[in-house]
Amino acid sequence: METWIKISLFLCLFGFLKEFRPSEPFIVDFLLDDRMNLTDEVINQEIFPVGTYCNCIWLVLVLLATDLLRYKPIIILEAIGGIGCWALLSFSTNYVSII
């Protein structure tokens, strides 16, 4: 198999696994739990919009950086960022540490 086909398949697999989030339907219930002690209004009015705007900004930065750095460093940074995001969400205990 040619190298460019392997790279393309790897990128498609990475993109699929990055966006495959089986825990996403349960995130609101997790944030409403007693440990986090957040209200539904705070989640919908403050936490979700920050996440949406950060993703939009991040997409533009990734697009520009991919042209300069190629794919390998971007894939590594995306993986580290995803792990960091879920670690913060899993281990944080208050509103300030999420934002």
PDB file of N, CA and C in Angstrom:
ATOM      1  N   MET A   1       0.850  -1.180   0.000  1.00  0.00           N
ATOM      2  CA  MET A   1       0.000   0.000   0.000  1.00  0.00           C
ATOM      3  C   MET A   1       0.895   1.242   0.000  1.00  0.00           C
ATOM      4  N   GLU A   2       0.501   2.224  -0.765  1.00  0.00           N
ATOM      5  CA  GLU A   2       1.303   3.439  -0.866  1.00  0.00           C
ATOM      6  C   GLU A   2       1.217   4.262   0.419  1.00  0.00           C
ATOM      7  N   THR A   3       2.230   5.070   0.631  1.00  0.00           N
ATOM      8  CA  THR A   3       2.326   5.854   1.862  1.00  0.00           C
ATOM      9  C   THR A   3       1.180   6.845   2.006  1.00  0.00           C
ATOM     10  N   TRP A   4       0.800   7.501   0.931  1.00  0.00           N
ATOM     11  CA  TRP A   4      -0.253   8.513   1.041  1.00  0.00           C
ATOM     12  C   TRP A   4      -1.603   7.881   1.369  1.00  0.00           C
ATOM     13  N   ILE A   5      -1.812   6.640   0.942  1.00  0.00           N
ATOM     14  CA  ILE A   5      -3.063   5.949   1.279  1.00  0.00           C
ATOM     15  C   ILE A   5      -3.084   5.612   2.765  1.00  0.00           C
ATOM     16  N   LYS A   6      -1.948   5.153   3.298  1.00  0.00           N
ATOM     17  CA  LYS A   6      -1.865   4.853   4.731  1.00  0.00           C
ATOM     18  C   LYS A   6      -2.120   6.109   5.566  1.00  0.00           C
ATOM     19  N   ILE A   7      -1.502   7.206   5.158  1.00  0.00           N
ATOM     20  CA  ILE A   7      -1.678   8.459   5.898  1.00  0.00           C
ATOM     21  C   ILE A   7      -3.132   8.919   5.839  1.00  0.00           C
ATOM     22  N   SER A   8      -3.741   8.811   4.676  1.00  0.00           N
ATOM     23  CA  SER A   8      -5.146   9.222   4.530  1.00  0.00           C
ATOM     24  C   SER A   8      -6.067   8.357   5.377  1.00  0.00           C
ATOM     25  N   LEU A   9      -5.830   7.051   5.383  1.00  0.00           N
ATOM     26  CA  LEU A   9      -6.649   6.156   6.210  1.00  0.00           C
ATOM     27  C   LEU A   9      -6.451   6.439   7.692  1.00  0.00           C
ATOM     28  N   PHE A  10      -5.211   6.700   8.092  1.00  0.00           N
ATOM     29  CA  PHE A  10      -4.939   7.024   9.485  1.00  0.00           C
ATOM     30  C   PHE A  10      -5.638   8.318   9.899  1.00  0.00           C
ATOM     31  N   LEU A  11      -5.605   9.329   9.036  1.00  0.00           N
ATOM     32  CA  LEU A  11      -6.281  10.591   9.343  1.00  0.00           C
ATOM     33  C   LEU A  11      -7.792  10.414   9.452  1.00  0.00           C
ATOM     34  N   CYS A  12      -8.355   9.606   8.571  1.00  0.00           N
ATOM     35  CA  CYS A  12      -9.799   9.341   8.646  1.00  0.00           C
ATOM     36  C   CYS A  12     -10.148   8.589   9.922  1.00  0.00           C
ATOM     37  N   LEU A  13      -9.340   7.601  10.281  1.00  0.00           N
ATOM     38  CA  LEU A  13      -9.574   6.844  11.509  1.00  0.00           C
ATOM     39  C   LEU A  13      -9.439   7.745  12.733  1.00  0.00           C
ATOM     40  N   PHE A  14      -8.414   8.580  12.746  1.00  0.00           N
ATOM     41  CA  PHE A  14      -8.230   9.504  13.864  1.00  0.00           C
ATOM     42  C   PHE A  14      -9.412  10.461  13.986  1.00  0.00           C
ATOM     43  N   GLY A  15      -9.849  11.015  12.862  1.00  0.00           N
ATOM     44  CA  GLY A  15     -10.992  11.928  12.879  1.00  0.00           C
ATOM     45  C   GLY A  15     -12.254  11.255  13.380  1.00  0.00           C
ATOM     46  N   PHE A  16     -12.481  10.013  12.962  1.00  0.00           N
ATOM     47  CA  PHE A  16     -13.663   9.279  13.426  1.00  0.00           C
ATOM     48  C   PHE A  16     -13.584   9.028  14.925  1.00  0.00           C
ATOM     49  N   LEU A  17     -12.447   8.538  15.400  1.00  0.00           N
ATOM     50  CA  LEU A  17     -12.313   8.234  16.822  1.00  0.00           C
ATOM     51  C   LEU A  17     -12.329   9.499  17.679  1.00  0.00           C
ATOM     52  N   LYS A  18     -11.835  10.603  17.137  1.00  0.00           N
ATOM     53  CA  LYS A  18     -11.851  11.869  17.876  1.00  0.00           C
ATOM     54  C   LYS A  18     -13.270  12.386  18.070  1.00  0.00           C
ATOM     55  N   GLU A  19     -14.091  12.219  17.067  1.00  0.00           N
ATOM     56  CA  GLU A  19     -15.460  12.731  17.131  1.00  0.00           C
ATOM     57  C   GLU A  19     -16.460  11.714  17.669  1.00  0.00           C
ATOM     58  N   PHE A  20     -16.054  10.478  17.856  1.00  0.00           N
ATOM     59  CA  PHE A  20     -16.934   9.449  18.414  1.00  0.00           C
ATOM     60  C   PHE A  20     -16.977   9.645  19.921  1.00  0.00           C
ATOM     61  N   ARG A  21     -18.095  10.118  20.414  1.00  0.00           N
ATOM     62  CA  ARG A  21     -18.228  10.454  21.833  1.00  0.00           C
ATOM     63  C   ARG A  21     -19.471   9.789  22.418  1.00  0.00           C
ATOM     64  N   PRO A  22     -19.344   8.552  22.848  1.00  0.00           N
ATOM     65  CA  PRO A  22     -20.522   7.882  23.403  1.00  0.00           C
ATOM     66  C   PRO A  22     -20.976   8.464  24.742  1.00  0.00           C
ATOM     67  N   SER A  23     -20.125   9.227  25.416  1.00  0.00           N
ATOM     68  CA  SER A  23     -20.505   9.810  26.705  1.00  0.00           C
ATOM     69  C   SER A  23     -21.217  11.151  26.559  1.00  0.00           C
ATOM     70  N   GLU A  24     -21.269  11.693  25.364  1.00  0.00           N
ATOM     71  CA  GLU A  24     -21.842  13.026  25.152  1.00  0.00           C
ATOM     72  C   GLU A  24     -23.302  13.158  25.607  1.00  0.00           C
ATOM     73  N   PRO A  25     -24.174  12.163  25.396  1.00  0.00           N
ATOM     74  CA  PRO A  25     -25.559  12.327  25.867  1.00  0.00           C
ATOM     75  C   PRO A  25     -25.688  12.416  27.391  1.00  0.00           C
ATOM     76  N   PHE A  26     -24.653  11.982  28.111  1.00  0.00           N
ATOM     77  CA  PHE A  26     -24.725  11.948  29.567  1.00  0.00           C
ATOM     78  C   PHE A  26     -23.975  13.088  30.236  1.00  0.00           C
ATOM     79  N   ILE A  27     -23.426  14.011  29.457  1.00  0.00           N
ATOM     80  CA  ILE A  27     -22.594  15.064  30.032  1.00  0.00           C
ATOM     81  C   ILE A  27     -23.404  16.033  30.895  1.00  0.00           C
ATOM     82  N   VAL A  28     -24.626  16.333  30.502  1.00  0.00           N
ATOM     83  CA  VAL A  28     -25.450  17.250  31.304  1.00  0.00           C
ATOM     84  C   VAL A  28     -25.798  16.606  32.641  1.00  0.00           C
ATOM     85  N   ASP A  29     -26.152  15.334  32.625  1.00  0.00           N
ATOM     86  CA  ASP A  29     -26.439  14.643  33.887  1.00  0.00           C
ATOM     87  C   ASP A  29     -25.211  14.619  34.792  1.00  0.00           C
ATOM     88  N   PHE A  30     -24.041  14.440  34.200  1.00  0.00           N
ATOM     89  CA  PHE A  30     -22.803  14.444  34.973  1.00  0.00           C
ATOM     90  C   PHE A  30     -22.563  15.814  35.607  1.00  0.00           C
ATOM     91  N   LEU A  31     -22.807  16.878  34.853  1.00  0.00           N
ATOM     92  CA  LEU A  31     -22.585  18.222  35.384  1.00  0.00           C
ATOM     93  C   LEU A  31     -23.647  18.625  36.406  1.00  0.00           C
ATOM     94  N   LEU A  32     -24.842  18.048  36.311  1.00  0.00           N
ATOM     95  CA  LEU A  32     -25.899  18.345  37.281  1.00  0.00           C
ATOM     96  C   LEU A  32     -25.740  17.554  38.574  1.00  0.00           C
ATOM     97  N   ASP A  33     -24.824  16.615  38.607  1.00  0.00           N
ATOM     98  CA  ASP A  33     -24.601  15.771  39.771  1.00  0.00           C
ATOM     99  C   ASP A  33     -24.187  16.615  40.983  1.00  0.00           C
ATOM    100  N   ASP A  34     -24.332  16.053  42.173  1.00  0.00           N
ATOM    101  CA  ASP A  34     -24.005  16.770  43.408  1.00  0.00           C
ATOM    102  C   ASP A  34     -22.535  17.161  43.490  1.00  0.00           C
ATOM    103  N   ARG A  35     -21.661  16.382  42.878  1.00  0.00           N
ATOM    104  CA  ARG A  35     -20.237  16.686  42.939  1.00  0.00           C
ATOM    105  C   ARG A  35     -19.915  18.007  42.250  1.00  0.00           C
ATOM    106  N   MET A  36     -20.519  18.246  41.089  1.00  0.00           N
ATOM    107  CA  MET A  36     -20.265  19.481  40.351  1.00  0.00           C
ATOM    108  C   MET A  36     -21.164  20.612  40.833  1.00  0.00           C
ATOM    109  N   ASN A  37     -22.377  20.285  41.242  1.00  0.00           N
ATOM    110  CA  ASN A  37     -23.318  21.247  41.814  1.00  0.00           C
ATOM    111  C   ASN A  37     -23.586  22.429  40.878  1.00  0.00           C
ATOM    112  N   LEU A  38     -23.851  22.138  39.609  1.00  0.00           N
ATOM    113  CA  LEU A  38     -24.185  23.174  38.637  1.00  0.00           C
ATOM    114  C   LEU A  38     -25.666  23.105  38.317  1.00  0.00           C
ATOM    115  N   THR A  39     -26.239  24.233  37.976  1.00  0.00           N
ATOM    116  CA  THR A  39     -27.644  24.254  37.590  1.00  0.00           C
ATOM    117  C   THR A  39     -27.758  24.096  36.082  1.00  0.00           C
ATOM    118  N   ASP A  40     -28.950  23.753  35.646  1.00  0.00           N
ATOM    119  CA  ASP A  40     -29.207  23.595  34.216  1.00  0.00           C
ATOM    120  C   ASP A  40     -28.997  24.916  33.479  1.00  0.00           C
ATOM    121  N   GLU A  41     -29.383  26.009  34.123  1.00  0.00           N
ATOM    122  CA  GLU A  41     -29.215  27.331  33.507  1.00  0.00           C
ATOM    123  C   GLU A  41     -27.738  27.678  33.321  1.00  0.00           C
ATOM    124  N   VAL A  42     -26.907  27.397  34.307  1.00  0.00           N
ATOM    125  CA  VAL A  42     -25.471  27.682  34.199  1.00  0.00           C
ATOM    126  C   VAL A  42     -24.849  26.849  33.086  1.00  0.00           C
ATOM    127  N   ILE A  43     -25.247  25.602  32.982  1.00  0.00           N
ATOM    128  CA  ILE A  43     -24.702  24.725  31.943  1.00  0.00           C
ATOM    129  C   ILE A  43     -25.061  25.245  30.560  1.00  0.00           C
ATOM    130  N   ASN A  44     -26.330  25.583  30.370  1.00  0.00           N
ATOM    131  CA  ASN A  44     -26.780  26.010  29.044  1.00  0.00           C
ATOM    132  C   ASN A  44     -26.390  27.440  28.694  1.00  0.00           C
ATOM    133  N   GLN A  45     -26.289  28.320  29.684  1.00  0.00           N
ATOM    134  CA  GLN A  45     -26.015  29.729  29.403  1.00  0.00           C
ATOM    135  C   GLN A  45     -24.533  30.096  29.474  1.00  0.00           C
ATOM    136  N   GLU A  46     -23.722  29.310  30.186  1.00  0.00           N
ATOM    137  CA  GLU A  46     -22.324  29.693  30.368  1.00  0.00           C
ATOM    138  C   GLU A  46     -21.332  28.644  29.884  1.00  0.00           C
ATOM    139  N   ILE A  47     -21.550  27.389  30.206  1.00  0.00           N
ATOM    140  CA  ILE A  47     -20.556  26.364  29.882  1.00  0.00           C
ATOM    141  C   ILE A  47     -20.613  25.965  28.415  1.00  0.00           C
ATOM    142  N   PHE A  48     -21.776  25.636  27.898  1.00  0.00           N
ATOM    143  CA  PHE A  48     -21.871  25.217  26.498  1.00  0.00           C
ATOM    144  C   PHE A  48     -21.476  26.316  25.513  1.00  0.00           C
ATOM    145  N   PRO A  49     -21.877  27.580  25.715  1.00  0.00           N
ATOM    146  CA  PRO A  49     -21.416  28.616  24.773  1.00  0.00           C
ATOM    147  C   PRO A  49     -19.897  28.799  24.763  1.00  0.00           C
ATOM    148  N   VAL A  50     -19.259  28.727  25.922  1.00  0.00           N
ATOM    149  CA  VAL A  50     -17.802  28.848  25.964  1.00  0.00           C
ATOM    150  C   VAL A  50     -17.165  27.719  25.167  1.00  0.00           C
ATOM    151  N   GLY A  51     -17.670  26.514  25.329  1.00  0.00           N
ATOM    152  CA  GLY A  51     -17.143  25.383  24.569  1.00  0.00           C
ATOM    153  C   GLY A  51     -17.337  25.543  23.075  1.00  0.00           C
ATOM    154  N   THR A  52     -18.486  26.050  22.678  1.00  0.00           N
ATOM    155  CA  THR A  52     -18.764  26.242  21.254  1.00  0.00           C
ATOM    156  C   THR A  52     -17.853  27.297  20.650  1.00  0.00           C
ATOM    157  N   TYR A  53     -17.696  28.426  21.319  1.00  0.00           N
ATOM    158  CA  TYR A  53     -16.838  29.487  20.794  1.00  0.00           C
ATOM    159  C   TYR A  53     -15.373  29.065  20.780  1.00  0.00           C
ATOM    160  N   CYS A  54     -14.944  28.341  21.795  1.00  0.00           N
ATOM    161  CA  CYS A  54     -13.556  27.860  21.813  1.00  0.00           C
ATOM    162  C   CYS A  54     -13.306  26.888  20.667  1.00  0.00           C
ATOM    163  N   ASN A  55     -14.278  26.035  20.372  1.00  0.00           N
ATOM    164  CA  ASN A  55     -14.118  25.112  19.249  1.00  0.00           C
ATOM    165  C   ASN A  55     -14.017  25.857  17.929  1.00  0.00           C
ATOM    166  N   CYS A  56     -14.801  26.900  17.747  1.00  0.00           N
ATOM    167  CA  CYS A  56     -14.733  27.684  16.502  1.00  0.00           C
ATOM    168  C   CYS A  56     -13.364  28.337  16.341  1.00  0.00           C
ATOM    169  N   ILE A  57     -12.855  28.922  17.398  1.00  0.00           N
ATOM    170  CA  ILE A  57     -11.533  29.553  17.342  1.00  0.00           C
ATOM    171  C   ILE A  57     -10.456  28.500  17.105  1.00  0.00           C
ATOM    172  N   TRP A  58     -10.574  27.367  17.788  1.00  0.00           N
ATOM    173  CA  TRP A  58      -9.598  26.295  17.650  1.00  0.00           C
ATOM    174  C   TRP A  58      -9.569  25.752  16.221  1.00  0.00           C
ATOM    175  N   LEU A  59     -10.720  25.650  15.568  1.00  0.00           N
ATOM    176  CA  LEU A  59     -10.753  25.157  14.193  1.00  0.00           C
ATOM    177  C   LEU A  59      -9.984  26.069  13.243  1.00  0.00           C
ATOM    178  N   VAL A  60     -10.112  27.368  13.410  1.00  0.00           N
ATOM    179  CA  VAL A  60      -9.372  28.307  12.560  1.00  0.00           C
ATOM    180  C   VAL A  60      -7.870  28.178  12.815  1.00  0.00           C
ATOM    181  N   LEU A  61      -7.477  28.081  14.081  1.00  0.00           N
ATOM    182  CA  LEU A  61      -6.058  27.933  14.406  1.00  0.00           C
ATOM    183  C   LEU A  61      -5.484  26.629  13.859  1.00  0.00           C
ATOM    184  N   VAL A  62      -6.246  25.547  13.968  1.00  0.00           N
ATOM    185  CA  VAL A  62      -5.783  24.259  13.447  1.00  0.00           C
ATOM    186  C   VAL A  62      -5.655  24.315  11.933  1.00  0.00           C
ATOM    187  N   LEU A  63      -6.587  24.949  11.267  1.00  0.00           N
ATOM    188  CA  LEU A  63      -6.523  25.082   9.815  1.00  0.00           C
ATOM    189  C   LEU A  63      -5.254  25.813   9.391  1.00  0.00           C
ATOM    190  N   LEU A  64      -4.951  26.917  10.047  1.00  0.00           N
ATOM    191  CA  LEU A  64      -3.756  27.683   9.704  1.00  0.00           C
ATOM    192  C   LEU A  64      -2.474  26.943  10.085  1.00  0.00           C
ATOM    193  N   ALA A  65      -2.476  26.297  11.234  1.00  0.00           N
ATOM    194  CA  ALA A  65      -1.275  25.589  11.685  1.00  0.00           C
ATOM    195  C   ALA A  65      -1.001  24.342  10.858  1.00  0.00           C
ATOM    196  N   THR A  66      -2.033  23.694  10.348  1.00  0.00           N
ATOM    197  CA  THR A  66      -1.837  22.492   9.548  1.00  0.00           C
ATOM    198  C   THR A  66      -1.079  22.811   8.268  1.00  0.00           C
ATOM    199  N   ASP A  67      -1.347  23.948   7.672  1.00  0.00           N
ATOM    200  CA  ASP A  67      -0.619  24.337   6.467  1.00  0.00           C
ATOM    201  C   ASP A  67       0.862  24.569   6.757  1.00  0.00           C
ATOM    202  N   LEU A  68       1.175  25.060   7.933  1.00  0.00           N
ATOM    203  CA  LEU A  68       2.570  25.333   8.276  1.00  0.00           C
ATOM    204  C   LEU A  68       3.306  24.108   8.808  1.00  0.00           C
ATOM    205  N   LEU A  69       2.662  23.339   9.678  1.00  0.00           N
ATOM    206  CA  LEU A  69       3.343  22.262  10.400  1.00  0.00           C
ATOM    207  C   LEU A  69       3.108  20.867   9.827  1.00  0.00           C
ATOM    208  N   ARG A  70       2.188  20.723   8.933  1.00  0.00           N
ATOM    209  CA  ARG A  70       1.750  19.440   8.383  1.00  0.00           C
ATOM    210  C   ARG A  70       0.913  18.705   9.423  1.00  0.00           C
ATOM    211  N   TYR A  71       0.625  17.453   9.180  1.00  0.00           N
ATOM    212  CA  TYR A  71      -0.378  16.760   9.984  1.00  0.00           C
ATOM    213  C   TYR A  71       0.124  16.183  11.299  1.00  0.00           C
ATOM    214  N   LYS A  72       1.331  15.664  11.338  1.00  0.00           N
ATOM    215  CA  LYS A  72       1.790  14.933  12.518  1.00  0.00           C
ATOM    216  C   LYS A  72       1.747  15.762  13.807  1.00  0.00           C
ATOM    217  N   PRO A  73       2.323  16.968  13.859  1.00  0.00           N
ATOM    218  CA  PRO A  73       2.236  17.743  15.102  1.00  0.00           C
ATOM    219  C   PRO A  73       0.800  18.127  15.468  1.00  0.00           C
ATOM    220  N   ILE A  74      -0.030  18.358  14.467  1.00  0.00           N
ATOM    221  CA  ILE A  74      -1.421  18.728  14.733  1.00  0.00           C
ATOM    222  C   ILE A  74      -2.172  17.555  15.348  1.00  0.00           C
ATOM    223  N   ILE A  75      -1.937  16.359  14.842  1.00  0.00           N
ATOM    224  CA  ILE A  75      -2.590  15.173  15.403  1.00  0.00           C
ATOM    225  C   ILE A  75      -2.170  14.980  16.853  1.00  0.00           C
ATOM    226  N   ILE A  76      -0.889  15.152  17.134  1.00  0.00           N
ATOM    227  CA  ILE A  76      -0.404  14.993  18.508  1.00  0.00           C
ATOM    228  C   ILE A  76      -1.004  16.064  19.420  1.00  0.00           C
ATOM    229  N   LEU A  77      -1.039  17.315  18.963  1.00  0.00           N
ATOM    230  CA  LEU A  77      -1.631  18.389  19.771  1.00  0.00           C
ATOM    231  C   LEU A  77      -3.123  18.179  19.998  1.00  0.00           C
ATOM    232  N   GLU A  78      -3.838  17.711  18.978  1.00  0.00           N
ATOM    233  CA  GLU A  78      -5.269  17.422  19.122  1.00  0.00           C
ATOM    234  C   GLU A  78      -5.495  16.318  20.156  1.00  0.00           C
ATOM    235  N   ALA A  79      -4.665  15.282  20.107  1.00  0.00           N
ATOM    236  CA  ALA A  79      -4.811  14.180  21.061  1.00  0.00           C
ATOM    237  C   ALA A  79      -4.533  14.650  22.484  1.00  0.00           C
ATOM    238  N   ILE A  80      -3.478  15.422  22.662  1.00  0.00           N
ATOM    239  CA  ILE A  80      -3.153  15.943  23.993  1.00  0.00           C
ATOM    240  C   ILE A  80      -4.250  16.882  24.486  1.00  0.00           C
ATOM    241  N   GLY A  81      -4.759  17.726  23.601  1.00  0.00           N
ATOM    242  CA  GLY A  81      -5.849  18.627  23.978  1.00  0.00           C
ATOM    243  C   GLY A  81      -7.114  17.883  24.364  1.00  0.00           C
ATOM    244  N   GLY A  82      -7.448  16.833  23.628  1.00  0.00           N
ATOM    245  CA  GLY A  82      -8.627  16.034  23.960  1.00  0.00           C
ATOM    246  C   GLY A  82      -8.493  15.334  25.298  1.00  0.00           C
ATOM    247  N   ILE A  83      -7.319  14.780  25.549  1.00  0.00           N
ATOM    248  CA  ILE A  83      -7.076  14.123  26.838  1.00  0.00           C
ATOM    249  C   ILE A  83      -7.152  15.143  27.966  1.00  0.00           C
ATOM    250  N   GLY A  84      -6.562  16.314  27.754  1.00  0.00           N
ATOM    251  CA  GLY A  84      -6.608  17.361  28.776  1.00  0.00           C
ATOM    252  C   GLY A  84      -8.016  17.844  29.059  1.00  0.00           C
ATOM    253  N   CYS A  85      -8.804  17.997  28.006  1.00  0.00           N
ATOM    254  CA  CYS A  85     -10.187  18.457  28.165  1.00  0.00           C
ATOM    255  C   CYS A  85     -11.003  17.467  28.988  1.00  0.00           C
ATOM    256  N   TRP A  86     -10.920  16.197  28.649  1.00  0.00           N
ATOM    257  CA  TRP A  86     -11.692  15.198  29.388  1.00  0.00           C
ATOM    258  C   TRP A  86     -11.143  14.974  30.791  1.00  0.00           C
ATOM    259  N   ALA A  87      -9.833  15.154  30.981  1.00  0.00           N
ATOM    260  CA  ALA A  87      -9.274  15.051  32.329  1.00  0.00           C
ATOM    261  C   ALA A  87      -9.785  16.189  33.209  1.00  0.00           C
ATOM    262  N   LEU A  88      -9.815  17.414  32.663  1.00  0.00           N
ATOM    263  CA  LEU A  88     -10.365  18.537  33.430  1.00  0.00           C
ATOM    264  C   LEU A  88     -11.829  18.307  33.769  1.00  0.00           C
ATOM    265  N   LEU A  89     -12.572  17.809  32.814  1.00  0.00           N
ATOM    266  CA  LEU A  89     -13.989  17.567  33.042  1.00  0.00           C
ATOM    267  C   LEU A  89     -14.199  16.455  34.066  1.00  0.00           C
ATOM    268  N   SER A  90     -13.380  15.432  34.015  1.00  0.00           N
ATOM    269  CA  SER A  90     -13.545  14.288  34.914  1.00  0.00           C
ATOM    270  C   SER A  90     -13.100  14.583  36.338  1.00  0.00           C
ATOM    271  N   PHE A  91     -12.030  15.347  36.493  1.00  0.00           N
ATOM    272  CA  PHE A  91     -11.445  15.521  37.818  1.00  0.00           C
ATOM    273  C   PHE A  91     -11.744  16.865  38.466  1.00  0.00           C
ATOM    274  N   SER A  92     -12.388  17.772  37.758  1.00  0.00           N
ATOM    275  CA  SER A  92     -12.698  19.064  38.368  1.00  0.00           C
ATOM    276  C   SER A  92     -13.910  18.928  39.277  1.00  0.00           C
ATOM    277  N   THR A  93     -13.950  19.792  40.269  1.00  0.00           N
ATOM    278  CA  THR A  93     -15.036  19.706  41.247  1.00  0.00           C
ATOM    279  C   THR A  93     -15.840  20.990  41.370  1.00  0.00           C
ATOM    280  N   ASN A  94     -15.513  21.997  40.572  1.00  0.00           N
ATOM    281  CA  ASN A  94     -16.283  23.233  40.657  1.00  0.00           C
ATOM    282  C   ASN A  94     -16.354  23.908  39.294  1.00  0.00           C
ATOM    283  N   TYR A  95     -17.141  24.948  39.232  1.00  0.00           N
ATOM    284  CA  TYR A  95     -17.422  25.667  37.990  1.00  0.00           C
ATOM    285  C   TYR A  95     -16.183  26.359  37.436  1.00  0.00           C
ATOM    286  N   VAL A  96     -15.386  26.952  38.296  1.00  0.00           N
ATOM    287  CA  VAL A  96     -14.225  27.727  37.858  1.00  0.00           C
ATOM    288  C   VAL A  96     -13.201  26.836  37.164  1.00  0.00           C
ATOM    289  N   SER A  97     -12.995  25.639  37.647  1.00  0.00           N
ATOM    290  CA  SER A  97     -12.000  24.766  37.036  1.00  0.00           C
ATOM    291  C   SER A  97     -12.455  24.221  35.688  1.00  0.00           C
ATOM    292  N   ILE A  98     -13.754  24.229  35.407  1.00  0.00           N
ATOM    293  CA  ILE A  98     -14.235  23.800  34.093  1.00  0.00           C
ATOM    294  C   ILE A  98     -13.981  24.892  33.075  1.00  0.00           C
ATOM    295  N   ILE A  99     -14.287  26.128  33.433  1.00  0.00           N
ATOM    296  CA  ILE A  99     -14.105  27.250  32.512  1.00  0.00           C
ATOM    297  C   ILE A  99     -12.654  27.617  32.511  1.00  0.00           C
TER     298      ILE A  99
END
